[in-house]
Amino acid sequence: MGMQYHCSRCHQRFAGPAEGAPEHCPRCKAEAGLEPDKRAPLAMLLFAAFLATAVLASVVGGAVAVASS
C-alpha cells in the first residue's frame, strides 16, 4: 500500500502506488493536481480546539449576562 493522495479537481482521496507518484486520478483521470494527503499537526489541532472552546465560552457567557439583566 502506498501513500494517500488527494485530487484537487474532483476531491477524491485514493491510495497511490508504493513507489513514485500516481499517473492520474482514478475517478476523473486528471493528471495534474494530485497532491499527497497531509494531516494537520497536533499543535494546530489543539489550538483550534482551544479557540473553539473560547468562542463557546464567550457566547454562553454573553447569553447568561443578557438573561440575568
Protein backbone atom coordinates (compact mmCIF):
# COMPACT_ATOMS: atom_id res chain seq x y z
CA MET A 1 0.00 0.00 0.00
CA GLY A 2 1.38 3.41 -0.97
CA MET A 3 0.80 6.98 0.13
CA GLN A 4 -2.62 8.59 0.25
CA TYR A 5 -3.25 11.23 -2.43
CA HIS A 6 -5.90 13.91 -2.95
CA CYS A 7 -7.15 15.07 -6.37
CA SER A 8 -7.62 18.85 -6.42
CA ARG A 9 -10.05 18.59 -9.33
CA CYS A 10 -12.69 16.12 -8.04
CA HIS A 11 -11.57 15.95 -4.36
CA GLN A 12 -11.21 12.16 -4.43
CA ARG A 13 -8.86 10.61 -1.86
CA PHE A 14 -7.09 7.45 -3.02
CA ALA A 15 -4.05 5.30 -2.37
CA GLY A 16 -1.19 5.75 -4.80
CA PRO A 17 1.48 3.26 -5.82
CA ALA A 18 4.11 2.08 -3.35
CA GLU A 19 6.86 3.90 -5.26
CA GLY A 20 6.56 7.16 -7.18
CA ALA A 21 3.56 9.37 -7.80
CA PRO A 22 0.29 8.18 -9.37
CA GLU A 23 -0.17 8.83 -13.08
CA HIS A 24 -3.80 10.01 -12.85
CA CYS A 25 -6.84 10.22 -10.58
CA PRO A 26 -8.89 7.02 -10.64
CA ARG A 27 -12.20 8.95 -10.71
CA CYS A 28 -11.72 11.90 -13.11
CA LYS A 29 -8.47 10.78 -14.82
CA ALA A 30 -6.82 14.17 -14.15
CA GLU A 31 -3.04 14.00 -14.47
CA ALA A 32 -2.29 17.32 -12.77
CA GLY A 33 -3.28 18.42 -9.28
CA LEU A 34 -2.57 15.17 -7.45
CA GLU A 35 -1.27 16.12 -4.02
CA PRO A 36 -0.06 13.97 -1.13
CA ASP A 37 -2.71 13.86 1.60
CA LYS A 38 -1.38 15.72 4.65
CA ARG A 39 -2.78 15.80 8.16
CA ALA A 40 -2.69 18.92 10.29
CA PRO A 41 0.00 18.98 13.01
CA LEU A 42 -1.12 18.21 16.57
CA ALA A 43 -0.30 21.74 17.75
CA MET A 44 -2.64 23.20 15.12
CA LEU A 45 -5.45 20.84 16.14
CA LEU A 46 -5.01 21.73 19.83
CA PHE A 47 -5.04 25.45 19.04
CA ALA A 48 -8.26 25.02 17.03
CA ALA A 49 -9.85 23.19 19.97
CA PHE A 50 -8.75 25.96 22.33
CA LEU A 51 -10.18 28.63 20.04
CA ALA A 52 -13.49 26.79 19.69
CA THR A 53 -13.74 26.48 23.47
CA ALA A 54 -13.00 30.19 23.93
CA VAL A 55 -15.68 31.17 21.40
CA LEU A 56 -18.22 28.84 23.00
CA ALA A 57 -17.44 30.24 26.47
CA SER A 58 -17.86 33.80 25.17
CA VAL A 59 -21.23 33.01 23.59
CA VAL A 60 -22.51 31.22 26.70
CA GLY A 61 -21.20 33.99 28.97
CA GLY A 62 -22.87 36.62 26.82
CA ALA A 63 -26.16 34.74 26.82
CA VAL A 64 -26.04 34.37 30.61
CA ALA A 65 -25.27 38.09 31.03
CA VAL A 66 -28.18 39.09 28.79
CA ALA A 67 -30.54 36.65 30.51
CA SER A 68 -29.64 37.83 34.01
CA SER A 69 -30.20 41.52 33.33
